Amino acid sequence: MCKKMKVALVIFLVIASSASLAREFTQNGNSMSPTIDHGESVEVGIVSAFFYEPKRWDIVIFSNPNGQMNGLIGRIVGMPNEKIFIDESGLHINSRLMLLPKKMRKAGIHYLPPNKTMASALYKNNREYQTGSSEFFILGDNSFAARDSRFFGPVHRDEIANKVENR
């Protein structure tokens, strides 16, 4: 093997091995049940975070926009510059009812508005949300246990660490 090929192989192996470096997070609570249960660990890539482009339905690690908690786990349902509305029939994006992916439907995931999950005067009516140019709407798969974008609003891209890689 020539010297240039050996160098290229070593560089490739270093990059490949560093890309697999991951940080482990443990789910605290039932906000992502049945997808991720309380106490279950997930892995998030460290190096791959620099190249991650969020996509709808990705499960991600993010920080609460209010700065109260770090390392929250949720699912991206709303992309930048979208209007999100949730009612008893489900999730609406830009006035269209979204069909959840088959795997989510089979698991029984159904997003509900806050007024159906909490007895509070604050959440009497359903609310429409608007994401900005760098914002995402993130929900927990368990509407009854999740404190998510329904309560604290859209999440800025800078607050999203990376996609969950292994469950």
C-alpha atoms as a PDB file:
ATOM      1  CA  MET A   1       0.000   0.000   0.000  1.00  0.00           C
ATOM      2  CA  CYS A   2       1.443   3.382  -0.927  1.00  0.00           C
ATOM      3  CA  LYS A   3       2.115   6.037   1.680  1.00  0.00           C
ATOM      4  CA  LYS A   4      -0.714   8.355   0.463  1.00  0.00           C
ATOM      5  CA  MET A   5      -3.268   5.558   0.718  1.00  0.00           C
ATOM      6  CA  LYS A   6      -2.101   4.721   4.249  1.00  0.00           C
ATOM      7  CA  VAL A   7      -2.430   8.351   5.306  1.00  0.00           C
ATOM      8  CA  ALA A   8      -5.889   8.575   3.724  1.00  0.00           C
ATOM      9  CA  LEU A   9      -6.942   5.357   5.465  1.00  0.00           C
ATOM     10  CA  VAL A  10      -5.707   6.619   8.852  1.00  0.00           C
ATOM     11  CA  ILE A  11      -7.548   9.935   8.390  1.00  0.00           C
ATOM     12  CA  PHE A  12     -10.717   8.086   7.401  1.00  0.00           C
ATOM     13  CA  LEU A  13     -10.497   5.794  10.436  1.00  0.00           C
ATOM     14  CA  VAL A  14      -9.933   8.719  12.814  1.00  0.00           C
ATOM     15  CA  ILE A  15     -12.928  10.588  11.406  1.00  0.00           C
ATOM     16  CA  ALA A  16     -15.123   7.490  11.441  1.00  0.00           C
ATOM     17  CA  SER A  17     -14.220   6.627  15.023  1.00  0.00           C
ATOM     18  CA  SER A  18     -14.670  10.185  16.286  1.00  0.00           C
ATOM     19  CA  ALA A  19     -18.056  10.433  14.564  1.00  0.00           C
ATOM     20  CA  SER A  20     -19.248   7.539  16.682  1.00  0.00           C
ATOM     21  CA  LEU A  21     -18.457   9.353  19.929  1.00  0.00           C
ATOM     22  CA  ALA A  22     -21.725   9.806  21.728  1.00  0.00           C
ATOM     23  CA  ARG A  23     -23.119  11.188  24.929  1.00  0.00           C
ATOM     24  CA  GLU A  24     -25.719   9.225  26.836  1.00  0.00           C
ATOM     25  CA  PHE A  25     -28.895  10.824  28.187  1.00  0.00           C
ATOM     26  CA  THR A  26     -31.417   9.190  30.493  1.00  0.00           C
ATOM     27  CA  GLN A  27     -35.089   9.976  30.020  1.00  0.00           C
ATOM     28  CA  ASN A  28     -36.495  11.531  33.165  1.00  0.00           C
ATOM     29  CA  GLY A  29     -40.263  11.139  33.223  1.00  0.00           C
ATOM     30  CA  ASN A  30     -42.881   9.786  30.842  1.00  0.00           C
ATOM     31  CA  SER A  31     -43.062  12.626  28.312  1.00  0.00           C
ATOM     32  CA  MET A  32     -41.824  10.400  25.459  1.00  0.00           C
ATOM     33  CA  SER A  33     -43.682   7.189  26.366  1.00  0.00           C
ATOM     34  CA  PRO A  34     -44.257   4.794  24.670  1.00  0.00           C
ATOM     35  CA  THR A  35     -41.285   5.654  22.421  1.00  0.00           C
ATOM     36  CA  ILE A  36     -38.770   6.218  25.235  1.00  0.00           C
ATOM     37  CA  ASP A  37     -39.714   5.154  28.736  1.00  0.00           C
ATOM     38  CA  HIS A  38     -38.723   6.747  32.049  1.00  0.00           C
ATOM     39  CA  GLY A  39     -35.191   5.678  32.966  1.00  0.00           C
ATOM     40  CA  GLU A  40     -34.330   4.517  29.442  1.00  0.00           C
ATOM     41  CA  SER A  41     -30.995   5.750  28.053  1.00  0.00           C
ATOM     42  CA  VAL A  42     -30.474   7.209  24.599  1.00  0.00           C
ATOM     43  CA  GLU A  43     -27.317   8.223  22.747  1.00  0.00           C
ATOM     44  CA  VAL A  44     -26.647  11.488  20.977  1.00  0.00           C
ATOM     45  CA  GLY A  45     -23.626  11.927  18.721  1.00  0.00           C
ATOM     46  CA  ILE A  46     -21.158  14.631  19.651  1.00  0.00           C
ATOM     47  CA  VAL A  47     -19.288  15.192  16.388  1.00  0.00           C
ATOM     48  CA  SER A  48     -22.352  14.565  14.205  1.00  0.00           C
ATOM     49  CA  ALA A  49     -24.127  17.440  16.000  1.00  0.00           C
ATOM     50  CA  PHE A  50     -22.105  19.905  13.921  1.00  0.00           C
ATOM     51  CA  PHE A  51     -23.660  18.543  10.721  1.00  0.00           C
ATOM     52  CA  TYR A  52     -27.193  17.840  11.912  1.00  0.00           C
ATOM     53  CA  GLU A  53     -30.101  19.381  10.009  1.00  0.00           C
ATOM     54  CA  PRO A  54     -33.394  18.951  11.900  1.00  0.00           C
ATOM     55  CA  LYS A  55     -36.205  17.092  10.148  1.00  0.00           C
ATOM     56  CA  ARG A  56     -39.856  16.591  11.002  1.00  0.00           C
ATOM     57  CA  TRP A  57     -40.426  13.525  13.248  1.00  0.00           C
ATOM     58  CA  ASP A  58     -36.777  13.422  14.475  1.00  0.00           C
ATOM     59  CA  ILE A  59     -36.383  12.733  18.184  1.00  0.00           C
ATOM     60  CA  VAL A  60     -33.929  15.291  19.574  1.00  0.00           C
ATOM     61  CA  ILE A  61     -32.200  16.483  22.719  1.00  0.00           C
ATOM     62  CA  PHE A  62     -32.927  20.162  23.366  1.00  0.00           C
ATOM     63  CA  SER A  63     -32.878  22.832  26.046  1.00  0.00           C
ATOM     64  CA  ASN A  64     -36.044  24.442  27.341  1.00  0.00           C
ATOM     65  CA  PRO A  65     -36.217  27.922  25.774  1.00  0.00           C
ATOM     66  CA  ASN A  66     -36.895  29.337  29.262  1.00  0.00           C
ATOM     67  CA  GLY A  67     -33.532  27.948  30.370  1.00  0.00           C
ATOM     68  CA  GLN A  68     -35.098  26.070  33.267  1.00  0.00           C
ATOM     69  CA  MET A  69     -34.045  22.562  32.228  1.00  0.00           C
ATOM     70  CA  ASN A  70     -31.391  21.046  30.006  1.00  0.00           C
ATOM     71  CA  GLY A  71     -31.292  17.771  28.176  1.00  0.00           C
ATOM     72  CA  LEU A  72     -34.997  17.452  27.354  1.00  0.00           C
ATOM     73  CA  ILE A  73     -36.034  14.818  24.815  1.00  0.00           C
ATOM     74  CA  GLY A  74     -38.809  15.483  22.298  1.00  0.00           C
ATOM     75  CA  ARG A  75     -39.955  15.033  18.722  1.00  0.00           C
ATOM     76  CA  ILE A  76     -39.799  17.750  16.062  1.00  0.00           C
ATOM     77  CA  VAL A  77     -43.278  18.188  14.603  1.00  0.00           C
ATOM     78  CA  GLY A  78     -43.142  21.780  13.354  1.00  0.00           C
ATOM     79  CA  MET A  79     -40.500  23.223  11.061  1.00  0.00           C
ATOM     80  CA  PRO A  80     -39.494  26.888  10.595  1.00  0.00           C
ATOM     81  CA  ASN A  81     -42.161  29.334   9.399  1.00  0.00           C
ATOM     82  CA  GLU A  82     -45.132  27.060  10.040  1.00  0.00           C
ATOM     83  CA  LYS A  83     -48.448  27.537  11.817  1.00  0.00           C
ATOM     84  CA  ILE A  84     -49.172  24.735  14.262  1.00  0.00           C
ATOM     85  CA  PHE A  85     -52.572  23.989  15.746  1.00  0.00           C
ATOM     86  CA  ILE A  86     -53.523  20.974  17.857  1.00  0.00           C
ATOM     87  CA  ASP A  87     -57.085  19.935  18.568  1.00  0.00           C
ATOM     88  CA  GLU A  88     -58.890  16.692  19.389  1.00  0.00           C
ATOM     89  CA  SER A  89     -58.511  15.512  15.775  1.00  0.00           C
ATOM     90  CA  GLY A  90     -54.724  15.856  15.934  1.00  0.00           C
ATOM     91  CA  LEU A  91     -51.845  17.971  14.719  1.00  0.00           C
ATOM     92  CA  HIS A  92     -52.462  20.602  12.043  1.00  0.00           C
ATOM     93  CA  ILE A  93     -49.610  22.250  10.127  1.00  0.00           C
ATOM     94  CA  ASN A  94     -50.479  25.276   7.985  1.00  0.00           C
ATOM     95  CA  SER A  95     -54.184  24.340   8.270  1.00  0.00           C
ATOM     96  CA  ARG A  96     -53.632  20.724   7.088  1.00  0.00           C
ATOM     97  CA  LEU A  97     -54.215  17.745   9.386  1.00  0.00           C
ATOM     98  CA  MET A  98     -50.909  15.842   9.532  1.00  0.00           C
ATOM     99  CA  LEU A  99     -50.910  12.091   9.199  1.00  0.00           C
ATOM    100  CA  LEU A 100     -48.386  10.793  11.724  1.00  0.00           C
ATOM    101  CA  PRO A 101     -45.894   8.189  10.496  1.00  0.00           C
ATOM    102  CA  LYS A 102     -47.237   4.619  10.573  1.00  0.00           C
ATOM    103  CA  LYS A 103     -44.898   3.554  13.390  1.00  0.00           C
ATOM    104  CA  MET A 104     -46.175   6.376  15.602  1.00  0.00           C
ATOM    105  CA  ARG A 105     -49.832   5.614  14.837  1.00  0.00           C
ATOM    106  CA  LYS A 106     -49.293   1.905  15.630  1.00  0.00           C
ATOM    107  CA  ALA A 107     -47.769   2.906  18.988  1.00  0.00           C
ATOM    108  CA  GLY A 108     -50.933   4.880  19.782  1.00  0.00           C
ATOM    109  CA  ILE A 109     -49.307   8.321  19.695  1.00  0.00           C
ATOM    110  CA  HIS A 110     -51.858  11.098  19.307  1.00  0.00           C
ATOM    111  CA  TYR A 111     -51.029  14.710  20.092  1.00  0.00           C
ATOM    112  CA  LEU A 112     -53.570  16.636  22.177  1.00  0.00           C
ATOM    113  CA  PRO A 113     -53.923  20.347  22.978  1.00  0.00           C
ATOM    114  CA  PRO A 114     -53.075  21.546  26.513  1.00  0.00           C
ATOM    115  CA  ASN A 115     -56.749  22.107  27.374  1.00  0.00           C
ATOM    116  CA  LYS A 116     -57.345  18.335  26.998  1.00  0.00           C
ATOM    117  CA  THR A 117     -54.381  17.360  29.167  1.00  0.00           C
ATOM    118  CA  MET A 118     -54.537  19.880  32.029  1.00  0.00           C
ATOM    119  CA  ALA A 119     -57.311  21.322  34.149  1.00  0.00           C
ATOM    120  CA  SER A 120     -56.192  24.933  34.164  1.00  0.00           C
ATOM    121  CA  ALA A 121     -57.777  28.278  33.374  1.00  0.00           C
ATOM    122  CA  LEU A 122     -54.615  29.109  31.419  1.00  0.00           C
ATOM    123  CA  TYR A 123     -55.437  26.497  28.781  1.00  0.00           C
ATOM    124  CA  LYS A 124     -59.181  26.911  28.213  1.00  0.00           C
ATOM    125  CA  ASN A 125     -58.854  27.309  24.459  1.00  0.00           C
ATOM    126  CA  ASN A 126     -56.773  25.683  21.785  1.00  0.00           C
ATOM    127  CA  ARG A 127     -54.023  27.945  20.556  1.00  0.00           C
ATOM    128  CA  GLU A 128     -52.304  28.400  17.202  1.00  0.00           C
ATOM    129  CA  TYR A 129     -48.514  28.615  17.317  1.00  0.00           C
ATOM    130  CA  GLN A 130     -46.210  30.227  14.765  1.00  0.00           C
ATOM    131  CA  THR A 131     -42.568  29.218  14.355  1.00  0.00           C
ATOM    132  CA  GLY A 132     -39.974  31.749  13.235  1.00  0.00           C
ATOM    133  CA  SER A 133     -37.304  31.297  10.581  1.00  0.00           C
ATOM    134  CA  SER A 134     -34.988  29.353  12.942  1.00  0.00           C
ATOM    135  CA  GLU A 135     -37.565  27.791  15.242  1.00  0.00           C
ATOM    136  CA  PHE A 136     -39.035  24.316  15.636  1.00  0.00           C
ATOM    137  CA  PHE A 137     -42.128  23.040  17.426  1.00  0.00           C
ATOM    138  CA  ILE A 138     -41.230  20.077  19.642  1.00  0.00           C
ATOM    139  CA  LEU A 139     -43.701  17.732  21.343  1.00  0.00           C
ATOM    140  CA  GLY A 140     -43.413  14.809  23.711  1.00  0.00           C
ATOM    141  CA  ASP A 141     -45.080  11.618  22.466  1.00  0.00           C
ATOM    142  CA  ASN A 142     -47.163  11.432  25.667  1.00  0.00           C
ATOM    143  CA  SER A 143     -49.351  14.565  25.619  1.00  0.00           C
ATOM    144  CA  PHE A 144     -50.516  13.951  29.201  1.00  0.00           C
ATOM    145  CA  ALA A 145     -47.006  13.997  30.696  1.00  0.00           C
ATOM    146  CA  ALA A 146     -45.064  16.329  28.388  1.00  0.00           C
ATOM    147  CA  ARG A 147     -44.177  19.936  29.068  1.00  0.00           C
ATOM    148  CA  ASP A 148     -43.226  20.903  25.549  1.00  0.00           C
ATOM    149  CA  SER A 149     -43.729  23.573  22.877  1.00  0.00           C
ATOM    150  CA  ARG A 150     -47.465  23.601  23.647  1.00  0.00           C
ATOM    151  CA  PHE A 151     -46.508  25.300  26.928  1.00  0.00           C
ATOM    152  CA  PHE A 152     -43.231  27.139  26.319  1.00  0.00           C
ATOM    153  CA  GLY A 153     -43.508  27.792  22.590  1.00  0.00           C
ATOM    154  CA  PRO A 154     -41.167  27.077  19.680  1.00  0.00           C
ATOM    155  CA  VAL A 155     -37.557  26.062  20.245  1.00  0.00           C
ATOM    156  CA  HIS A 156     -34.758  27.962  18.502  1.00  0.00           C
ATOM    157  CA  ARG A 157     -32.335  25.915  16.409  1.00  0.00           C
ATOM    158  CA  ASP A 158     -29.484  26.844  18.779  1.00  0.00           C
ATOM    159  CA  GLU A 159     -31.305  25.020  21.579  1.00  0.00           C
ATOM    160  CA  ILE A 160     -31.391  21.699  19.679  1.00  0.00           C
ATOM    161  CA  ALA A 161     -28.280  19.627  20.436  1.00  0.00           C
ATOM    162  CA  ASN A 162     -28.705  16.723  18.042  1.00  0.00           C
ATOM    163  CA  LYS A 163     -30.891  13.844  16.919  1.00  0.00           C
ATOM    164  CA  VAL A 164     -31.206  10.809  19.195  1.00  0.00           C
ATOM    165  CA  GLU A 165     -29.207   8.067  17.472  1.00  0.00           C
ATOM    166  CA  ASN A 166     -29.705   4.923  19.523  1.00  0.00           C
ATOM    167  CA  ARG A 167     -32.627   3.839  21.665  1.00  0.00           C
END
